[in-house]
Amino acid sequence: MILVVDDNELNLALTRAVLERAGYEVEAARSGADAVSSIERRRPDLVLMDVQLPDRDGLEVTRDLKSEPATSDITIVALTAHAMVGDEDTALAAGCAGYICKPIDTRTFADEVGRFLK
């Protein structure tokens, strides 16, 4: 299962549709708190984490998840419109396994995500 964390309804719907069309099971969370609750209920194989969330920065949530033994091995990929020099390095330093820029390319997105699944 892939957990997509994004507060933007349109981004979330598009991401979910592309992944589900490719055969992935997808759950959605619209905030950092929702993401943590979802992970506590059901452990995802992969988290696509928006960086800018309404309650907590997605990288802060990532650092917290990576610091906990029960969640430290969950693969988290930053999914963000942040595309400035150094943003990818910041995401990787926070514990993300990768970095995907929005807007997503619907033709290649599912394959790009698939590379992060174990």
N, C-alpha and C. Protein backbone atom coordinates (compact mmCIF):
# COMPACT_ATOMS: atom_id res chain seq x y z
N MET A 1 0.84 -1.17 0.00
CA MET A 1 0.00 0.00 0.00
C MET A 1 0.89 1.24 0.00
N ILE A 2 0.49 2.22 -0.78
CA ILE A 2 1.19 3.50 -0.84
C ILE A 2 0.35 4.54 -0.14
N LEU A 3 0.96 5.25 0.80
CA LEU A 3 0.30 6.36 1.48
C LEU A 3 0.74 7.65 0.81
N VAL A 4 -0.22 8.40 0.29
CA VAL A 4 0.07 9.70 -0.33
C VAL A 4 -0.37 10.78 0.65
N VAL A 5 0.57 11.64 1.03
CA VAL A 5 0.29 12.71 1.98
C VAL A 5 0.36 14.03 1.22
N ASP A 6 -0.80 14.68 1.06
CA ASP A 6 -0.86 15.94 0.32
C ASP A 6 -2.11 16.68 0.74
N ASP A 7 -2.00 17.95 1.03
CA ASP A 7 -3.16 18.73 1.45
C ASP A 7 -3.93 19.32 0.27
N ASN A 8 -3.38 19.26 -0.93
CA ASN A 8 -4.04 19.80 -2.10
C ASN A 8 -4.92 18.71 -2.72
N GLU A 9 -6.22 18.94 -2.72
CA GLU A 9 -7.18 17.94 -3.18
C GLU A 9 -6.95 17.51 -4.63
N LEU A 10 -6.63 18.46 -5.51
CA LEU A 10 -6.41 18.12 -6.92
C LEU A 10 -5.15 17.28 -7.09
N ASN A 11 -4.07 17.66 -6.43
CA ASN A 11 -2.82 16.88 -6.50
C ASN A 11 -3.05 15.46 -5.97
N LEU A 12 -3.77 15.38 -4.86
CA LEU A 12 -4.04 14.09 -4.24
C LEU A 12 -4.87 13.21 -5.16
N ALA A 13 -5.90 13.77 -5.76
CA ALA A 13 -6.76 12.99 -6.66
C ALA A 13 -5.99 12.50 -7.89
N LEU A 14 -5.18 13.36 -8.46
CA LEU A 14 -4.40 12.97 -9.64
C LEU A 14 -3.38 11.89 -9.29
N THR A 15 -2.65 12.09 -8.22
CA THR A 15 -1.64 11.12 -7.79
C THR A 15 -2.30 9.76 -7.53
N ARG A 16 -3.39 9.79 -6.81
CA ARG A 16 -4.10 8.56 -6.50
C ARG A 16 -4.60 7.86 -7.77
N ALA A 17 -5.19 8.61 -8.68
CA ALA A 17 -5.72 8.03 -9.91
C ALA A 17 -4.63 7.38 -10.75
N VAL A 18 -3.50 8.04 -10.89
CA VAL A 18 -2.40 7.49 -11.68
C VAL A 18 -1.87 6.20 -11.05
N LEU A 19 -1.71 6.21 -9.74
CA LEU A 19 -1.17 5.02 -9.06
C LEU A 19 -2.18 3.87 -9.06
N GLU A 20 -3.45 4.17 -8.83
CA GLU A 20 -4.46 3.11 -8.84
C GLU A 20 -4.62 2.52 -10.23
N ARG A 21 -4.53 3.35 -11.26
CA ARG A 21 -4.62 2.86 -12.64
C ARG A 21 -3.47 1.90 -12.94
N ALA A 22 -2.32 2.12 -12.27
CA ALA A 22 -1.16 1.24 -12.46
C ALA A 22 -1.24 -0.01 -11.59
N GLY A 23 -2.32 -0.12 -10.79
CA GLY A 23 -2.51 -1.33 -9.99
C GLY A 23 -2.09 -1.23 -8.55
N TYR A 24 -1.69 -0.06 -8.09
CA TYR A 24 -1.28 0.11 -6.71
C TYR A 24 -2.48 0.38 -5.81
N GLU A 25 -2.40 -0.10 -4.58
CA GLU A 25 -3.38 0.25 -3.56
C GLU A 25 -2.89 1.55 -2.92
N VAL A 26 -3.79 2.51 -2.79
CA VAL A 26 -3.41 3.84 -2.33
C VAL A 26 -4.32 4.28 -1.20
N GLU A 27 -3.72 4.85 -0.16
CA GLU A 27 -4.45 5.55 0.89
C GLU A 27 -3.99 6.98 0.87
N ALA A 28 -4.84 7.87 1.39
CA ALA A 28 -4.52 9.29 1.37
C ALA A 28 -4.56 9.87 2.77
N ALA A 29 -3.69 10.85 2.98
CA ALA A 29 -3.69 11.64 4.21
C ALA A 29 -3.50 13.09 3.80
N ARG A 30 -4.17 13.99 4.49
CA ARG A 30 -4.14 15.40 4.09
C ARG A 30 -3.32 16.28 5.03
N SER A 31 -2.67 15.67 6.03
CA SER A 31 -1.84 16.43 6.96
C SER A 31 -0.82 15.50 7.57
N GLY A 32 0.15 16.08 8.26
CA GLY A 32 1.14 15.26 8.95
C GLY A 32 0.51 14.39 10.02
N ALA A 33 -0.44 14.96 10.76
CA ALA A 33 -1.11 14.20 11.81
C ALA A 33 -1.92 13.04 11.21
N ASP A 34 -2.60 13.31 10.09
CA ASP A 34 -3.33 12.24 9.40
C ASP A 34 -2.39 11.14 8.93
N ALA A 35 -1.22 11.53 8.45
CA ALA A 35 -0.24 10.55 7.97
C ALA A 35 0.22 9.64 9.11
N VAL A 36 0.54 10.23 10.25
CA VAL A 36 0.99 9.44 11.39
C VAL A 36 -0.12 8.50 11.85
N SER A 37 -1.35 8.99 11.92
CA SER A 37 -2.49 8.13 12.31
C SER A 37 -2.68 6.99 11.33
N SER A 38 -2.57 7.28 10.05
CA SER A 38 -2.73 6.25 9.03
C SER A 38 -1.64 5.19 9.16
N ILE A 39 -0.42 5.62 9.39
CA ILE A 39 0.70 4.69 9.54
C ILE A 39 0.53 3.82 10.78
N GLU A 40 -0.02 4.40 11.85
CA GLU A 40 -0.27 3.61 13.07
C GLU A 40 -1.33 2.54 12.82
N ARG A 41 -2.32 2.84 11.98
CA ARG A 41 -3.38 1.88 11.68
C ARG A 41 -2.91 0.79 10.72
N ARG A 42 -2.17 1.19 9.72
CA ARG A 42 -1.74 0.25 8.69
C ARG A 42 -0.42 0.70 8.08
N ARG A 43 0.56 -0.10 8.23
CA ARG A 43 1.91 0.22 7.78
C ARG A 43 1.97 0.22 6.25
N PRO A 44 2.37 1.34 5.65
CA PRO A 44 2.47 1.38 4.18
C PRO A 44 3.80 0.81 3.70
N ASP A 45 3.84 0.42 2.44
CA ASP A 45 5.09 -0.01 1.81
C ASP A 45 5.91 1.21 1.40
N LEU A 46 5.21 2.32 1.17
CA LEU A 46 5.85 3.54 0.69
C LEU A 46 5.00 4.74 1.09
N VAL A 47 5.66 5.84 1.46
CA VAL A 47 4.97 7.09 1.74
C VAL A 47 5.46 8.13 0.75
N LEU A 48 4.52 8.77 0.05
CA LEU A 48 4.84 9.92 -0.79
C LEU A 48 4.44 11.15 0.01
N MET A 49 5.42 11.91 0.47
CA MET A 49 5.22 12.97 1.45
C MET A 49 5.37 14.35 0.84
N ASP A 50 4.28 15.11 0.83
CA ASP A 50 4.35 16.51 0.44
C ASP A 50 5.18 17.24 1.49
N VAL A 51 5.94 18.22 1.08
CA VAL A 51 6.78 18.95 2.02
C VAL A 51 5.98 20.01 2.77
N GLN A 52 5.13 20.74 2.07
CA GLN A 52 4.34 21.79 2.71
C GLN A 52 2.97 21.25 3.08
N LEU A 53 2.76 21.05 4.37
CA LEU A 53 1.48 20.56 4.88
C LEU A 53 0.92 21.61 5.85
N PRO A 54 -0.39 21.58 6.08
CA PRO A 54 -0.99 22.64 6.89
C PRO A 54 -0.62 22.62 8.36
N ASP A 55 -0.35 21.44 8.91
CA ASP A 55 -0.08 21.38 10.34
C ASP A 55 1.41 21.29 10.67
N ARG A 56 2.12 20.46 9.95
CA ARG A 56 3.56 20.26 10.19
C ARG A 56 4.25 20.11 8.85
N ASP A 57 5.45 20.57 8.78
CA ASP A 57 6.28 20.40 7.59
C ASP A 57 6.46 18.91 7.33
N GLY A 58 6.31 18.48 6.07
CA GLY A 58 6.46 17.08 5.73
C GLY A 58 7.83 16.51 6.06
N LEU A 59 8.85 17.35 6.00
CA LEU A 59 10.19 16.86 6.35
C LEU A 59 10.32 16.67 7.86
N GLU A 60 9.62 17.48 8.63
CA GLU A 60 9.59 17.28 10.08
C GLU A 60 8.90 15.96 10.42
N VAL A 61 7.80 15.67 9.74
CA VAL A 61 7.11 14.39 9.94
C VAL A 61 8.04 13.24 9.54
N THR A 62 8.75 13.41 8.45
CA THR A 62 9.69 12.38 7.99
C THR A 62 10.77 12.14 9.04
N ARG A 63 11.36 13.22 9.55
CA ARG A 63 12.40 13.05 10.58
C ARG A 63 11.86 12.31 11.80
N ASP A 64 10.64 12.66 12.21
CA ASP A 64 10.04 11.97 13.36
C ASP A 64 9.83 10.49 13.07
N LEU A 65 9.31 10.16 11.90
CA LEU A 65 9.10 8.76 11.55
C LEU A 65 10.42 8.00 11.48
N LYS A 66 11.43 8.63 10.95
CA LYS A 66 12.73 7.97 10.82
C LYS A 66 13.43 7.80 12.18
N SER A 67 13.06 8.61 13.17
CA SER A 67 13.70 8.51 14.48
C SER A 67 13.06 7.44 15.37
N GLU A 68 11.91 6.94 14.96
CA GLU A 68 11.22 5.91 15.74
C GLU A 68 11.56 4.52 15.21
N PRO A 69 12.00 3.62 16.08
CA PRO A 69 12.35 2.26 15.62
C PRO A 69 11.22 1.56 14.87
N ALA A 70 9.98 1.78 15.26
CA ALA A 70 8.85 1.08 14.63
C ALA A 70 8.58 1.56 13.21
N THR A 71 9.04 2.76 12.87
CA THR A 71 8.75 3.32 11.54
C THR A 71 10.00 3.73 10.76
N SER A 72 11.15 3.52 11.33
CA SER A 72 12.39 4.02 10.71
C SER A 72 12.70 3.38 9.36
N ASP A 73 12.17 2.19 9.12
CA ASP A 73 12.50 1.51 7.85
C ASP A 73 11.45 1.73 6.76
N ILE A 74 10.44 2.54 7.02
CA ILE A 74 9.45 2.86 5.98
C ILE A 74 10.11 3.77 4.95
N THR A 75 9.94 3.43 3.69
CA THR A 75 10.49 4.24 2.61
C THR A 75 9.60 5.46 2.42
N ILE A 76 10.22 6.64 2.50
CA ILE A 76 9.50 7.90 2.33
C ILE A 76 10.15 8.66 1.19
N VAL A 77 9.32 9.14 0.27
CA VAL A 77 9.80 9.92 -0.87
C VAL A 77 9.12 11.28 -0.82
N ALA A 78 9.92 12.33 -0.90
CA ALA A 78 9.35 13.68 -0.95
C ALA A 78 8.66 13.88 -2.29
N LEU A 79 7.44 14.38 -2.24
CA LEU A 79 6.67 14.67 -3.44
C LEU A 79 6.28 16.14 -3.31
N THR A 80 6.99 17.00 -4.02
CA THR A 80 6.88 18.41 -3.71
C THR A 80 7.05 19.33 -4.91
N ALA A 81 6.47 20.49 -4.79
CA ALA A 81 6.67 21.54 -5.79
C ALA A 81 7.95 22.32 -5.51
N HIS A 82 8.59 22.05 -4.38
CA HIS A 82 9.87 22.69 -4.07
C HIS A 82 10.92 22.16 -5.03
N ALA A 83 11.39 23.00 -5.90
CA ALA A 83 12.36 22.55 -6.91
C ALA A 83 13.54 23.50 -6.99
N MET A 84 13.89 24.08 -5.89
CA MET A 84 15.03 24.98 -5.85
C MET A 84 16.31 24.19 -5.59
N VAL A 85 17.42 24.77 -5.95
CA VAL A 85 18.71 24.14 -5.70
C VAL A 85 18.83 23.86 -4.20
N GLY A 86 19.18 22.66 -3.85
CA GLY A 86 19.37 22.29 -2.46
C GLY A 86 18.16 21.63 -1.82
N ASP A 87 16.96 21.78 -2.41
CA ASP A 87 15.77 21.18 -1.81
C ASP A 87 15.84 19.66 -1.78
N GLU A 88 16.37 19.07 -2.84
CA GLU A 88 16.49 17.62 -2.85
C GLU A 88 17.45 17.16 -1.76
N ASP A 89 18.57 17.84 -1.61
CA ASP A 89 19.53 17.48 -0.56
C ASP A 89 18.90 17.60 0.83
N THR A 90 18.08 18.62 1.02
CA THR A 90 17.40 18.81 2.31
C THR A 90 16.44 17.66 2.58
N ALA A 91 15.70 17.23 1.55
CA ALA A 91 14.78 16.11 1.71
C ALA A 91 15.54 14.81 2.02
N LEU A 92 16.62 14.58 1.33
CA LEU A 92 17.42 13.37 1.58
C LEU A 92 18.01 13.40 2.98
N ALA A 93 18.46 14.56 3.43
CA ALA A 93 19.03 14.69 4.77
C ALA A 93 17.98 14.44 5.85
N ALA A 94 16.72 14.73 5.54
CA ALA A 94 15.63 14.50 6.50
C ALA A 94 15.26 13.02 6.60
N GLY A 95 15.75 12.22 5.66
CA GLY A 95 15.47 10.79 5.70
C GLY A 95 14.70 10.26 4.51
N CYS A 96 14.40 11.12 3.56
CA CYS A 96 13.69 10.67 2.36
C CYS A 96 14.62 9.82 1.50
N ALA A 97 14.04 8.80 0.88
CA ALA A 97 14.81 7.93 -0.02
C ALA A 97 14.91 8.51 -1.41
N GLY A 98 14.09 9.51 -1.69
CA GLY A 98 14.08 10.13 -3.00
C GLY A 98 13.26 11.38 -3.01
N TYR A 99 13.15 11.96 -4.20
CA TYR A 99 12.56 13.29 -4.36
C TYR A 99 11.89 13.33 -5.73
N ILE A 100 10.59 13.57 -5.74
CA ILE A 100 9.85 13.69 -7.00
C ILE A 100 9.21 15.08 -7.02
N CYS A 101 9.44 15.79 -8.11
CA CYS A 101 8.88 17.14 -8.25
C CYS A 101 7.47 17.11 -8.80
N LYS A 102 6.65 18.03 -8.29
CA LYS A 102 5.32 18.27 -8.85
C LYS A 102 5.43 19.48 -9.76
N PRO A 103 4.63 19.58 -10.78
CA PRO A 103 3.57 18.64 -11.11
C PRO A 103 4.13 17.33 -11.64
N ILE A 104 3.41 16.26 -11.36
CA ILE A 104 3.88 14.94 -11.80
C ILE A 104 3.64 14.77 -13.29
N ASP A 105 4.45 13.92 -13.90
CA ASP A 105 4.25 13.53 -15.30
C ASP A 105 3.42 12.24 -15.26
N THR A 106 2.17 12.33 -15.64
CA THR A 106 1.27 11.17 -15.52
C THR A 106 1.72 9.99 -16.36
N ARG A 107 2.55 10.22 -17.36
CA ARG A 107 3.01 9.12 -18.22
C ARG A 107 4.11 8.30 -17.55
N THR A 108 4.88 8.90 -16.66
CA THR A 108 6.03 8.21 -16.08
C THR A 108 5.96 8.05 -14.56
N PHE A 109 4.99 8.69 -13.94
CA PHE A 109 4.94 8.75 -12.47
C PHE A 109 4.87 7.37 -11.82
N ALA A 110 3.99 6.50 -12.28
CA ALA A 110 3.84 5.18 -11.65
C ALA A 110 5.13 4.38 -11.71
N ASP A 111 5.84 4.45 -12.83
CA ASP A 111 7.13 3.76 -12.94
C ASP A 111 8.16 4.37 -12.00
N GLU A 112 8.15 5.69 -11.90
CA GLU A 112 9.08 6.38 -11.02
C GLU A 112 8.84 5.96 -9.56
N VAL A 113 7.59 5.89 -9.16
CA VAL A 113 7.24 5.47 -7.81
C VAL A 113 7.62 4.01 -7.60
N GLY A 114 7.36 3.18 -8.59
CA GLY A 114 7.65 1.76 -8.48
C GLY A 114 9.11 1.45 -8.17
N ARG A 115 10.00 2.31 -8.58
CA ARG A 115 11.44 2.10 -8.29
C ARG A 115 11.74 2.16 -6.80
N PHE A 116 10.88 2.80 -6.02
CA PHE A 116 11.13 2.93 -4.59
C PHE A 116 10.51 1.80 -3.76
N LEU A 117 9.71 0.97 -4.39
CA LEU A 117 9.08 -0.13 -3.66
C LEU A 117 10.05 -1.30 -3.54
N LYS A 118 10.07 -1.91 -2.38
CA LYS A 118 11.00 -3.01 -2.12
C LYS A 118 10.55 -4.27 -2.81
